[in-house]
């Protein structure tokens, strides 16, 4: 009887071991992708970008705005491309985060005094 239980235990362990091994052999390896290349692919998707743009311009969609900001900030690794949408969301829809985004984009060490003044006006609106 003892021999029978040992045989069942060994059989069970072998079964589990081979099942686990087979699962690992069939595993699909996904290439690693950094966030910049992920967002660059999104930026190159014209249908997606047009859809996000329309949602922002026509409806003030904050989720679309956040996504397009992420695409430009991470995909292009610069925020200036998103200024157009930040201005629309701030001026047309009075979206508070967009006021700050306009300020942040315009407030760089290289801007002239008039642009810095405009950036500071958006910062004031953000703080209200």
Protein backbone atom coordinates (compact mmCIF):
# COMPACT_ATOMS: atom_id res chain seq x y z
CA UNK A 1 0.00 0.00 0.00
CA UNK A 2 2.88 2.33 0.84
CA UNK A 3 4.45 1.63 -2.54
CA UNK A 4 1.13 2.48 -4.23
CA UNK A 5 0.89 5.91 -2.51
CA UNK A 6 4.51 6.70 -3.40
CA UNK A 7 3.85 5.82 -7.04
CA UNK A 8 0.78 8.09 -7.15
CA UNK A 9 2.73 10.92 -5.56
CA UNK A 10 5.59 10.58 -8.05
CA UNK A 11 3.15 10.35 -10.96
CA UNK A 12 1.33 13.48 -9.78
CA UNK A 13 4.58 15.42 -9.39
CA UNK A 14 5.74 14.33 -12.85
CA UNK A 15 2.43 15.36 -14.34
CA UNK A 16 2.61 18.80 -12.72
CA UNK A 17 6.24 19.24 -13.73
CA UNK A 18 5.65 18.36 -17.38
CA UNK A 19 2.53 20.53 -17.56
CA UNK A 20 4.46 23.50 -16.20
CA UNK A 21 7.36 22.86 -18.54
CA UNK A 22 5.07 22.68 -21.58
CA UNK A 23 3.42 25.95 -20.63
CA UNK A 24 6.82 27.67 -20.48
CA UNK A 25 7.81 26.25 -23.88
CA UNK A 26 4.67 27.69 -25.47
CA UNK A 27 5.17 31.07 -23.84
CA UNK A 28 5.15 33.97 -26.28
CA UNK A 29 7.99 36.39 -25.80
CA UNK A 30 6.93 39.98 -26.34
CA UNK A 31 9.57 42.44 -27.44
CA UNK A 32 10.26 45.12 -24.95
CA UNK A 33 9.12 48.52 -26.03
CA UNK A 34 9.91 51.76 -24.30
CA UNK A 35 7.26 54.37 -23.72
CA UNK A 36 8.66 56.76 -26.33
CA UNK A 37 8.36 54.22 -29.16
CA UNK A 38 4.87 53.24 -27.94
CA UNK A 39 3.69 56.86 -28.12
CA UNK A 40 5.52 57.47 -31.41
CA UNK A 41 3.47 54.66 -32.94
CA UNK A 42 0.33 56.36 -31.64
CA UNK A 43 1.50 59.69 -33.05
CA UNK A 44 1.99 58.09 -36.47
CA UNK A 45 -1.54 56.66 -36.38
CA UNK A 46 -3.30 59.37 -38.40
CA UNK A 47 -6.78 57.99 -37.73
CA UNK A 48 -6.19 58.05 -33.95
CA UNK A 49 -4.69 61.54 -33.99
CA UNK A 50 -7.55 62.90 -36.13
CA UNK A 51 -10.10 61.33 -33.81
CA UNK A 52 -8.45 62.78 -30.69
CA UNK A 53 -8.15 66.18 -32.35
CA UNK A 54 -11.84 66.23 -33.31
CA UNK A 55 -12.91 65.20 -29.79
CA UNK A 56 -10.84 68.00 -28.29
CA UNK A 57 -11.82 70.74 -30.73
CA UNK A 58 -15.50 69.89 -31.09
CA UNK A 59 -16.34 68.61 -27.60
CA UNK A 60 -13.60 69.62 -25.17
CA UNK A 61 -13.01 65.94 -24.34
CA UNK A 62 -10.60 65.90 -21.40
CA UNK A 63 -9.63 62.23 -21.86
CA UNK A 64 -8.69 62.88 -25.48
CA UNK A 65 -6.79 65.99 -24.38
CA UNK A 66 -4.83 64.01 -21.80
CA UNK A 67 -4.01 61.32 -24.35
CA UNK A 68 -2.86 63.75 -27.03
CA UNK A 69 -0.74 65.60 -24.44
CA UNK A 70 0.88 62.29 -23.48
CA UNK A 71 1.51 61.37 -27.10
CA UNK A 72 3.24 64.68 -27.85
CA UNK A 73 5.12 64.95 -24.56
CA UNK A 74 6.44 61.39 -24.55
CA UNK A 75 6.40 60.46 -28.24
CA UNK A 76 8.07 63.63 -29.45
CA UNK A 77 9.70 64.32 -26.10
CA UNK A 78 8.68 67.94 -26.28
CA UNK A 79 5.55 69.71 -25.19
CA UNK A 80 5.44 72.55 -27.70
CA UNK A 81 3.48 70.47 -30.23
CA UNK A 82 0.61 70.22 -27.75
CA UNK A 83 0.28 74.01 -27.36
CA UNK A 84 -2.48 74.20 -29.97
CA UNK A 85 -4.70 71.82 -28.03
CA UNK A 86 -3.84 73.40 -24.68
CA UNK A 87 -4.93 76.80 -26.01
CA UNK A 88 -8.21 75.40 -27.33
CA UNK A 89 -8.99 73.61 -24.07
CA UNK A 90 -8.08 76.68 -22.02
CA UNK A 91 -9.75 79.38 -24.11
CA UNK A 92 -12.78 77.57 -25.50
CA UNK A 93 -13.58 75.13 -22.68
CA UNK A 94 -11.91 76.83 -19.68
CA UNK A 95 -10.27 73.55 -18.69
CA UNK A 96 -8.12 74.37 -15.66
CA UNK A 97 -5.31 71.91 -16.42
CA UNK A 98 -4.96 73.42 -19.89
CA UNK A 99 -4.25 76.85 -18.37
CA UNK A 100 -1.30 75.35 -16.56
CA UNK A 101 -0.18 73.45 -19.65
CA UNK A 102 -0.12 76.68 -21.69
CA UNK A 103 1.90 78.34 -18.95
CA UNK A 104 4.30 75.41 -18.76
CA UNK A 105 4.84 75.25 -22.53
CA UNK A 106 5.35 79.00 -22.94
CA UNK A 107 7.47 79.50 -19.84
CA UNK A 108 10.94 78.54 -21.01
CA UNK A 109 14.18 80.41 -20.49
CA UNK A 110 14.39 81.22 -24.21
CA UNK A 111 11.11 83.14 -24.56
CA UNK A 112 10.81 86.89 -24.91
CA UNK A 113 9.23 89.14 -22.29
CA UNK A 114 5.87 89.40 -24.07
CA UNK A 115 5.52 85.62 -24.29
CA UNK A 116 6.55 85.25 -20.64
CA UNK A 117 3.87 87.81 -19.72
CA UNK A 118 1.28 85.80 -21.66
CA UNK A 119 2.44 82.61 -19.90
CA UNK A 120 2.01 84.29 -16.53
CA UNK A 121 -1.56 85.30 -17.45
CA UNK A 122 -2.39 81.65 -18.02
CA UNK A 123 -0.80 80.77 -14.69
CA UNK A 124 -3.07 83.32 -12.99
CA UNK A 125 -6.11 81.74 -14.66
CA UNK A 126 -4.96 78.33 -13.51
CA UNK A 127 -4.71 79.47 -9.90
CA UNK A 128 -8.26 80.91 -9.86
